[in-house]
Amino acid sequence: MRIIFHVGLSKTGTTAIQAFLDQRPEQLQKAGFWLPGQREQTAGAPAKSGNGFELFLKINAANPDAAAWAGDIEAYLRAAVEEAKAAGCEQILFSSESFCSLTKEKWVAFAQILGRFDCDYLFVLFEREPYSWCFSSWLQQVRRCGLT
């Protein structure tokens, strides 16, 4: 089993990638890709937050009980693996811009949880030239919020 994490940096086409994935669930499943939570919108999730938003919430949760926190994430991932196997898929894909906001400490703790699984992992990030990113980000704020 391979688990792919699309860590969608803002303004790098993440929404377009997620829309593409969301429009093709049957083709993706036939190709062996499982997208947990694809058709569900997590309560409180930003629009187009990707199918990985629920996992992000679990990773980013502030929980004083580290064992319970890790157990919750592990159970979520194990359920995703079982769903993928039942659907005949060998690859799981989680996509969310929110993954970018995780702290180093959260990534390190999450990596320890991933070590409990007999899976291969692939992390996909796209980057963008900084000046065009700044302009695009500013333009989006102007359009959405009228900021100048």
N, C-alpha and C. Protein backbone atom coordinates (compact mmCIF):
# COMPACT_ATOMS: atom_id res chain seq x y z
N MET A 1 0.86 -1.17 0.00
CA MET A 1 0.00 0.00 0.00
C MET A 1 0.90 1.23 0.00
N ARG A 2 0.51 2.19 -0.79
CA ARG A 2 1.21 3.47 -0.82
C ARG A 2 0.23 4.55 -0.39
N ILE A 3 0.69 5.45 0.49
CA ILE A 3 -0.12 6.59 0.89
C ILE A 3 0.56 7.85 0.37
N ILE A 4 -0.20 8.63 -0.38
CA ILE A 4 0.30 9.85 -0.99
C ILE A 4 -0.31 11.04 -0.26
N PHE A 5 0.54 11.98 0.10
CA PHE A 5 0.10 13.22 0.74
C PHE A 5 0.40 14.38 -0.20
N HIS A 6 -0.66 14.99 -0.71
CA HIS A 6 -0.50 16.20 -1.53
C HIS A 6 -0.60 17.37 -0.57
N VAL A 7 0.55 17.96 -0.28
CA VAL A 7 0.65 19.09 0.64
C VAL A 7 0.51 20.34 -0.23
N GLY A 8 -0.71 20.78 -0.40
CA GLY A 8 -1.00 21.83 -1.37
C GLY A 8 -0.64 23.22 -0.90
N LEU A 9 0.54 23.68 -1.27
CA LEU A 9 0.90 25.06 -0.96
C LEU A 9 -0.09 25.98 -1.66
N SER A 10 -0.45 27.06 -1.00
CA SER A 10 -1.43 27.98 -1.59
C SER A 10 -0.90 28.58 -2.89
N LYS A 11 -1.82 28.83 -3.78
CA LYS A 11 -1.53 29.47 -5.07
C LYS A 11 -0.61 28.63 -5.96
N THR A 12 -0.71 27.31 -5.84
CA THR A 12 0.07 26.42 -6.71
C THR A 12 -0.83 25.47 -7.48
N GLY A 13 -2.11 25.82 -7.62
CA GLY A 13 -3.03 24.99 -8.38
C GLY A 13 -3.71 23.91 -7.57
N THR A 14 -3.62 23.99 -6.25
CA THR A 14 -4.19 22.95 -5.39
C THR A 14 -5.69 22.79 -5.61
N THR A 15 -6.42 23.89 -5.68
CA THR A 15 -7.86 23.81 -5.87
C THR A 15 -8.19 23.14 -7.19
N ALA A 16 -7.44 23.44 -8.23
CA ALA A 16 -7.68 22.82 -9.54
C ALA A 16 -7.39 21.31 -9.47
N ILE A 17 -6.32 20.94 -8.78
CA ILE A 17 -6.00 19.51 -8.63
C ILE A 17 -7.11 18.81 -7.86
N GLN A 18 -7.57 19.41 -6.78
CA GLN A 18 -8.62 18.80 -5.98
C GLN A 18 -9.93 18.70 -6.76
N ALA A 19 -10.26 19.71 -7.56
CA ALA A 19 -11.47 19.65 -8.38
C ALA A 19 -11.35 18.52 -9.41
N PHE A 20 -10.18 18.38 -10.00
CA PHE A 20 -9.94 17.30 -10.95
C PHE A 20 -10.17 15.94 -10.29
N LEU A 21 -9.60 15.76 -9.11
CA LEU A 21 -9.75 14.49 -8.38
C LEU A 21 -11.20 14.24 -8.00
N ASP A 22 -11.88 15.29 -7.53
CA ASP A 22 -13.25 15.15 -7.07
C ASP A 22 -14.22 14.81 -8.20
N GLN A 23 -13.88 15.21 -9.41
CA GLN A 23 -14.75 14.96 -10.56
C GLN A 23 -14.55 13.57 -11.17
N ARG A 24 -13.57 12.82 -10.69
CA ARG A 24 -13.23 11.55 -11.32
C ARG A 24 -13.08 10.39 -10.34
N PRO A 25 -14.00 10.24 -9.40
CA PRO A 25 -13.81 9.18 -8.40
C PRO A 25 -13.79 7.78 -9.00
N GLU A 26 -14.64 7.53 -9.99
CA GLU A 26 -14.68 6.18 -10.57
C GLU A 26 -13.40 5.86 -11.34
N GLN A 27 -12.92 6.83 -12.13
CA GLN A 27 -11.69 6.59 -12.89
C GLN A 27 -10.49 6.40 -11.96
N LEU A 28 -10.45 7.18 -10.90
CA LEU A 28 -9.34 7.04 -9.95
C LEU A 28 -9.38 5.69 -9.25
N GLN A 29 -10.57 5.25 -8.88
CA GLN A 29 -10.68 3.95 -8.22
C GLN A 29 -10.28 2.83 -9.18
N LYS A 30 -10.70 2.93 -10.43
CA LYS A 30 -10.30 1.92 -11.42
C LYS A 30 -8.79 1.89 -11.61
N ALA A 31 -8.16 3.05 -11.44
CA ALA A 31 -6.70 3.14 -11.57
C ALA A 31 -5.98 2.77 -10.27
N GLY A 32 -6.76 2.41 -9.24
CA GLY A 32 -6.15 1.95 -7.99
C GLY A 32 -5.93 3.00 -6.93
N PHE A 33 -6.56 4.18 -7.08
CA PHE A 33 -6.40 5.26 -6.11
C PHE A 33 -7.66 5.41 -5.26
N TRP A 34 -7.47 5.47 -3.95
CA TRP A 34 -8.57 5.68 -3.02
C TRP A 34 -8.41 7.04 -2.37
N LEU A 35 -9.47 7.85 -2.38
CA LEU A 35 -9.46 9.18 -1.76
C LEU A 35 -10.44 9.18 -0.59
N PRO A 36 -9.97 8.92 0.63
CA PRO A 36 -10.87 8.90 1.78
C PRO A 36 -11.58 10.24 1.96
N GLY A 37 -12.87 10.16 2.30
CA GLY A 37 -13.62 11.39 2.57
C GLY A 37 -13.82 12.27 1.37
N GLN A 38 -13.62 11.75 0.18
CA GLN A 38 -13.65 12.58 -1.02
C GLN A 38 -14.98 13.29 -1.20
N ARG A 39 -16.06 12.60 -0.98
CA ARG A 39 -17.37 13.19 -1.24
C ARG A 39 -17.98 13.85 0.00
N GLU A 40 -17.23 13.87 1.07
CA GLU A 40 -17.74 14.47 2.30
C GLU A 40 -17.10 15.83 2.50
N GLN A 41 -17.88 16.77 3.02
CA GLN A 41 -17.32 18.07 3.39
C GLN A 41 -17.30 18.13 4.90
N THR A 42 -16.13 18.19 5.48
CA THR A 42 -16.00 18.23 6.93
C THR A 42 -16.61 19.52 7.46
N ALA A 43 -17.40 19.42 8.50
CA ALA A 43 -18.00 20.61 9.10
C ALA A 43 -16.90 21.59 9.51
N GLY A 44 -17.07 22.83 9.13
CA GLY A 44 -16.09 23.86 9.46
C GLY A 44 -14.93 23.93 8.49
N ALA A 45 -14.91 23.05 7.50
CA ALA A 45 -13.81 23.06 6.54
C ALA A 45 -13.98 24.21 5.56
N PRO A 46 -12.89 24.86 5.21
CA PRO A 46 -12.98 25.88 4.18
C PRO A 46 -13.42 25.23 2.87
N ALA A 47 -14.08 26.01 2.03
CA ALA A 47 -14.49 25.48 0.73
C ALA A 47 -13.26 24.98 -0.01
N LYS A 48 -13.41 23.85 -0.68
CA LYS A 48 -12.32 23.26 -1.46
C LYS A 48 -11.10 22.97 -0.60
N SER A 49 -11.32 22.46 0.59
CA SER A 49 -10.19 22.20 1.50
C SER A 49 -9.52 20.87 1.24
N GLY A 50 -10.07 20.09 0.34
CA GLY A 50 -9.47 18.81 -0.01
C GLY A 50 -9.92 17.68 0.89
N ASN A 51 -9.73 16.47 0.40
CA ASN A 51 -10.17 15.30 1.17
C ASN A 51 -9.28 15.02 2.37
N GLY A 52 -8.14 15.70 2.49
CA GLY A 52 -7.24 15.49 3.61
C GLY A 52 -7.50 16.40 4.80
N PHE A 53 -8.55 17.23 4.70
CA PHE A 53 -8.79 18.20 5.78
C PHE A 53 -9.12 17.52 7.11
N GLU A 54 -9.91 16.46 7.08
CA GLU A 54 -10.24 15.76 8.32
C GLU A 54 -8.99 15.18 8.98
N LEU A 55 -8.09 14.61 8.17
CA LEU A 55 -6.83 14.10 8.71
C LEU A 55 -6.00 15.25 9.28
N PHE A 56 -5.96 16.37 8.58
CA PHE A 56 -5.25 17.55 9.09
C PHE A 56 -5.78 17.94 10.47
N LEU A 57 -7.11 17.98 10.61
CA LEU A 57 -7.70 18.36 11.90
C LEU A 57 -7.25 17.42 13.02
N LYS A 58 -7.18 16.13 12.69
CA LYS A 58 -6.74 15.15 13.69
C LYS A 58 -5.27 15.36 14.06
N ILE A 59 -4.43 15.61 13.06
CA ILE A 59 -3.00 15.82 13.32
C ILE A 59 -2.79 17.11 14.10
N ASN A 60 -3.52 18.14 13.74
CA ASN A 60 -3.31 19.47 14.32
C ASN A 60 -3.99 19.66 15.67
N ALA A 61 -4.79 18.68 16.09
CA ALA A 61 -5.53 18.81 17.35
C ALA A 61 -4.57 18.98 18.53
N ALA A 62 -4.95 19.88 19.40
CA ALA A 62 -4.18 20.07 20.64
C ALA A 62 -4.75 19.09 21.67
N ASN A 63 -3.99 18.07 22.00
CA ASN A 63 -4.47 17.05 22.92
C ASN A 63 -3.38 16.78 23.95
N PRO A 64 -3.69 17.04 25.21
CA PRO A 64 -2.67 16.79 26.24
C PRO A 64 -2.35 15.30 26.41
N ASP A 65 -3.24 14.44 25.92
CA ASP A 65 -3.01 13.00 26.02
C ASP A 65 -2.42 12.52 24.70
N ALA A 66 -1.11 12.45 24.63
CA ALA A 66 -0.42 12.10 23.38
C ALA A 66 -0.81 10.72 22.87
N ALA A 67 -1.03 9.78 23.76
CA ALA A 67 -1.38 8.42 23.35
C ALA A 67 -2.75 8.40 22.68
N ALA A 68 -3.71 9.13 23.24
CA ALA A 68 -5.05 9.19 22.65
C ALA A 68 -5.00 9.90 21.30
N TRP A 69 -4.20 10.96 21.22
CA TRP A 69 -4.04 11.71 19.96
C TRP A 69 -3.49 10.78 18.88
N ALA A 70 -2.42 10.08 19.18
CA ALA A 70 -1.81 9.16 18.21
C ALA A 70 -2.76 8.03 17.85
N GLY A 71 -3.48 7.52 18.86
CA GLY A 71 -4.42 6.43 18.61
C GLY A 71 -5.54 6.84 17.68
N ASP A 72 -6.02 8.06 17.81
CA ASP A 72 -7.09 8.57 16.95
C ASP A 72 -6.61 8.66 15.49
N ILE A 73 -5.41 9.17 15.31
CA ILE A 73 -4.85 9.28 13.96
C ILE A 73 -4.59 7.90 13.38
N GLU A 74 -4.01 7.03 14.18
CA GLU A 74 -3.72 5.67 13.71
C GLU A 74 -5.01 4.95 13.30
N ALA A 75 -6.06 5.08 14.11
CA ALA A 75 -7.34 4.43 13.78
C ALA A 75 -7.92 4.99 12.48
N TYR A 76 -7.80 6.29 12.29
CA TYR A 76 -8.30 6.92 11.06
C TYR A 76 -7.56 6.39 9.84
N LEU A 77 -6.24 6.30 9.96
CA LEU A 77 -5.43 5.80 8.84
C LEU A 77 -5.69 4.32 8.58
N ARG A 78 -5.82 3.53 9.65
CA ARG A 78 -6.11 2.10 9.47
C ARG A 78 -7.46 1.91 8.77
N ALA A 79 -8.44 2.71 9.12
CA ALA A 79 -9.75 2.63 8.45
C ALA A 79 -9.61 2.98 6.97
N ALA A 80 -8.79 3.99 6.66
CA ALA A 80 -8.58 4.36 5.26
C ALA A 80 -7.90 3.23 4.49
N VAL A 81 -6.93 2.58 5.11
CA VAL A 81 -6.25 1.45 4.47
C VAL A 81 -7.23 0.32 4.21
N GLU A 82 -8.06 0.02 5.18
CA GLU A 82 -9.05 -1.06 5.01
C GLU A 82 -10.07 -0.71 3.93
N GLU A 83 -10.52 0.55 3.89
CA GLU A 83 -11.45 0.98 2.84
C GLU A 83 -10.81 0.83 1.46
N ALA A 84 -9.55 1.24 1.37
CA ALA A 84 -8.85 1.15 0.08
C ALA A 84 -8.73 -0.30 -0.37
N LYS A 85 -8.34 -1.17 0.55
CA LYS A 85 -8.23 -2.60 0.22
C LYS A 85 -9.57 -3.16 -0.23
N ALA A 86 -10.64 -2.82 0.49
CA ALA A 86 -11.98 -3.31 0.16
C ALA A 86 -12.42 -2.80 -1.22
N ALA A 87 -11.94 -1.61 -1.60
CA ALA A 87 -12.29 -1.04 -2.91
C ALA A 87 -11.35 -1.53 -4.01
N GLY A 88 -10.38 -2.36 -3.64
CA GLY A 88 -9.43 -2.87 -4.63
C GLY A 88 -8.36 -1.88 -5.02
N CYS A 89 -8.07 -0.94 -4.14
CA CYS A 89 -7.08 0.10 -4.44
C CYS A 89 -5.78 -0.16 -3.67
N GLU A 90 -4.68 0.17 -4.30
CA GLU A 90 -3.36 0.00 -3.69
C GLU A 90 -2.70 1.32 -3.31
N GLN A 91 -3.39 2.44 -3.60
CA GLN A 91 -2.83 3.75 -3.28
C GLN A 91 -3.92 4.61 -2.64
N ILE A 92 -3.54 5.33 -1.61
CA ILE A 92 -4.44 6.25 -0.92
C ILE A 92 -3.88 7.65 -1.12
N LEU A 93 -4.76 8.59 -1.42
CA LEU A 93 -4.34 9.97 -1.64
C LEU A 93 -5.08 10.91 -0.70
N PHE A 94 -4.31 11.68 0.07
CA PHE A 94 -4.85 12.75 0.91
C PHE A 94 -4.33 14.06 0.35
N SER A 95 -5.23 15.01 0.12
CA SER A 95 -4.83 16.32 -0.40
C SER A 95 -5.45 17.42 0.44
N SER A 96 -4.61 18.36 0.89
CA SER A 96 -5.12 19.51 1.63
C SER A 96 -4.08 20.61 1.69
N GLU A 97 -4.52 21.85 1.46
CA GLU A 97 -3.64 23.00 1.68
C GLU A 97 -3.29 23.13 3.15
N SER A 98 -4.17 22.66 4.01
CA SER A 98 -3.97 22.83 5.45
C SER A 98 -2.74 22.09 5.96
N PHE A 99 -2.31 21.03 5.28
CA PHE A 99 -1.10 20.33 5.70
C PHE A 99 0.09 21.29 5.81
N CYS A 100 0.09 22.34 5.01
CA CYS A 100 1.20 23.30 5.02
C CYS A 100 1.33 24.04 6.34
N SER A 101 0.25 24.11 7.10
CA SER A 101 0.30 24.88 8.35
C SER A 101 0.71 24.04 9.56
N LEU A 102 0.98 22.76 9.34
CA LEU A 102 1.43 21.93 10.46
C LEU A 102 2.83 22.33 10.90
N THR A 103 3.06 22.32 12.19
CA THR A 103 4.38 22.64 12.71
C THR A 103 5.34 21.47 12.51
N LYS A 104 6.61 21.74 12.64
CA LYS A 104 7.62 20.69 12.54
C LYS A 104 7.35 19.60 13.57
N GLU A 105 6.97 20.01 14.78
CA GLU A 105 6.70 19.04 15.85
C GLU A 105 5.54 18.11 15.48
N LYS A 106 4.51 18.67 14.87
CA LYS A 106 3.36 17.84 14.44
C LYS A 106 3.79 16.86 13.35
N TRP A 107 4.60 17.34 12.38
CA TRP A 107 5.08 16.45 11.31
C TRP A 107 5.93 15.32 11.89
N VAL A 108 6.79 15.65 12.85
CA VAL A 108 7.65 14.62 13.45
C VAL A 108 6.79 13.59 14.18
N ALA A 109 5.81 14.04 14.95
CA ALA A 109 4.93 13.11 15.66
C ALA A 109 4.11 12.28 14.67
N PHE A 110 3.64 12.91 13.61
CA PHE A 110 2.87 12.19 12.59
C PHE A 110 3.74 11.15 11.90
N ALA A 111 5.00 11.49 11.63
CA ALA A 111 5.92 10.54 10.99
C ALA A 111 6.11 9.31 11.87
N GLN A 112 6.12 9.49 13.18
CA GLN A 112 6.25 8.34 14.08
C GLN A 112 5.02 7.43 13.97
N ILE A 113 3.86 8.02 13.81
CA ILE A 113 2.64 7.22 13.63
C ILE A 113 2.70 6.48 12.31
N LEU A 114 3.14 7.15 11.25
CA LEU A 114 3.24 6.51 9.94
C LEU A 114 4.19 5.31 9.99
N GLY A 115 5.19 5.38 10.85
CA GLY A 115 6.14 4.28 11.00
C GLY A 115 5.52 2.99 11.49
N ARG A 116 4.31 3.06 12.01
CA ARG A 116 3.61 1.87 12.51
C ARG A 116 2.93 1.08 11.38
N PHE A 117 2.92 1.64 10.19
CA PHE A 117 2.24 1.02 9.06
C PHE A 117 3.24 0.43 8.08
N ASP A 118 2.86 -0.65 7.47
CA ASP A 118 3.70 -1.27 6.43
C ASP A 118 3.26 -0.69 5.08
N CYS A 119 3.61 0.58 4.88
CA CYS A 119 3.21 1.30 3.67
C CYS A 119 4.40 2.10 3.14
N ASP A 120 4.32 2.41 1.87
CA ASP A 120 5.24 3.36 1.26
C ASP A 120 4.55 4.72 1.30
N TYR A 121 5.35 5.79 1.38
CA TYR A 121 4.79 7.13 1.45
C TYR A 121 5.40 8.00 0.37
N LEU A 122 4.56 8.86 -0.17
CA LEU A 122 5.01 9.84 -1.15
C LEU A 122 4.40 11.18 -0.75
N PHE A 123 5.25 12.19 -0.63
CA PHE A 123 4.79 13.53 -0.31
C PHE A 123 4.99 14.40 -1.55
N VAL A 124 3.90 15.01 -2.00
CA VAL A 124 3.93 15.82 -3.22
C VAL A 124 3.68 17.27 -2.86
N LEU A 125 4.60 18.12 -3.26
CA LEU A 125 4.46 19.56 -3.08
C LEU A 125 4.81 20.26 -4.39
N PHE A 126 4.09 21.30 -4.68
CA PHE A 126 4.43 22.15 -5.80
C PHE A 126 4.87 23.49 -5.24
N GLU A 127 5.87 24.06 -5.84
CA GLU A 127 6.30 25.38 -5.40
C GLU A 127 6.07 26.37 -6.53
N ARG A 128 6.18 27.62 -6.21
CA ARG A 128 5.94 28.66 -7.20
C ARG A 128 6.98 29.76 -7.00
N GLU A 129 7.36 30.36 -8.08
CA GLU A 129 8.31 31.47 -8.03
C GLU A 129 7.74 32.54 -7.10
N PRO A 130 8.52 33.03 -6.12
CA PRO A 130 7.99 33.89 -5.06
C PRO A 130 7.30 35.18 -5.52
N TYR A 131 7.85 35.85 -6.53
CA TYR A 131 7.25 37.12 -6.94
C TYR A 131 5.88 36.91 -7.57
N SER A 132 5.74 35.89 -8.40
CA SER A 132 4.43 35.65 -8.99
C SER A 132 3.45 35.14 -7.93
N TRP A 133 3.97 34.41 -6.93
CA TRP A 133 3.11 33.97 -5.83
C TRP A 133 2.57 35.17 -5.06
N CYS A 134 3.44 36.11 -4.75
CA CYS A 134 3.00 37.31 -4.00
C CYS A 134 1.93 38.07 -4.77
N PHE A 135 2.15 38.26 -6.07
CA PHE A 135 1.18 38.99 -6.87
C PHE A 135 -0.15 38.23 -6.92
N SER A 136 -0.11 36.94 -7.14
CA SER A 136 -1.32 36.14 -7.21
C SER A 136 -2.06 36.15 -5.88
N SER A 137 -1.33 36.05 -4.78
CA SER A 137 -1.94 36.07 -3.46
C SER A 137 -2.61 37.43 -3.19
N TRP A 138 -1.91 38.49 -3.53
CA TRP A 138 -2.48 39.84 -3.36
C TRP A 138 -3.74 40.00 -4.20
N LEU A 139 -3.67 39.56 -5.45
CA LEU A 139 -4.82 39.69 -6.35
C LEU A 139 -6.03 38.91 -5.82
N GLN A 140 -5.78 37.74 -5.26
CA GLN A 140 -6.88 36.95 -4.69
C GLN A 140 -7.51 37.70 -3.52
N GLN A 141 -6.71 38.32 -2.67
CA GLN A 141 -7.25 39.09 -1.55
C GLN A 141 -8.06 40.29 -2.03
N VAL A 142 -7.62 40.92 -3.09
CA VAL A 142 -8.36 42.05 -3.66
C VAL A 142 -9.72 41.57 -4.16
N ARG A 143 -9.72 40.46 -4.88
CA ARG A 143 -10.98 39.94 -5.44
C ARG A 143 -11.93 39.46 -4.34
N ARG A 144 -11.41 38.74 -3.37
CA ARG A 144 -12.27 38.16 -2.33
C ARG A 144 -12.73 39.17 -1.29
N CYS A 145 -11.81 40.03 -0.89
CA CYS A 145 -12.07 40.87 0.27
C CYS A 145 -12.06 42.36 -0.03
N GLY A 146 -11.73 42.73 -1.25
CA GLY A 146 -11.64 44.14 -1.57
C GLY A 146 -10.44 44.82 -0.95
N LEU A 147 -9.45 44.04 -0.53
CA LEU A 147 -8.25 44.62 0.08
C LEU A 147 -7.35 45.22 -0.99
N THR A 148 -6.78 46.34 -0.66
CA THR A 148 -5.83 46.96 -1.60
C THR A 148 -4.58 47.39 -0.88
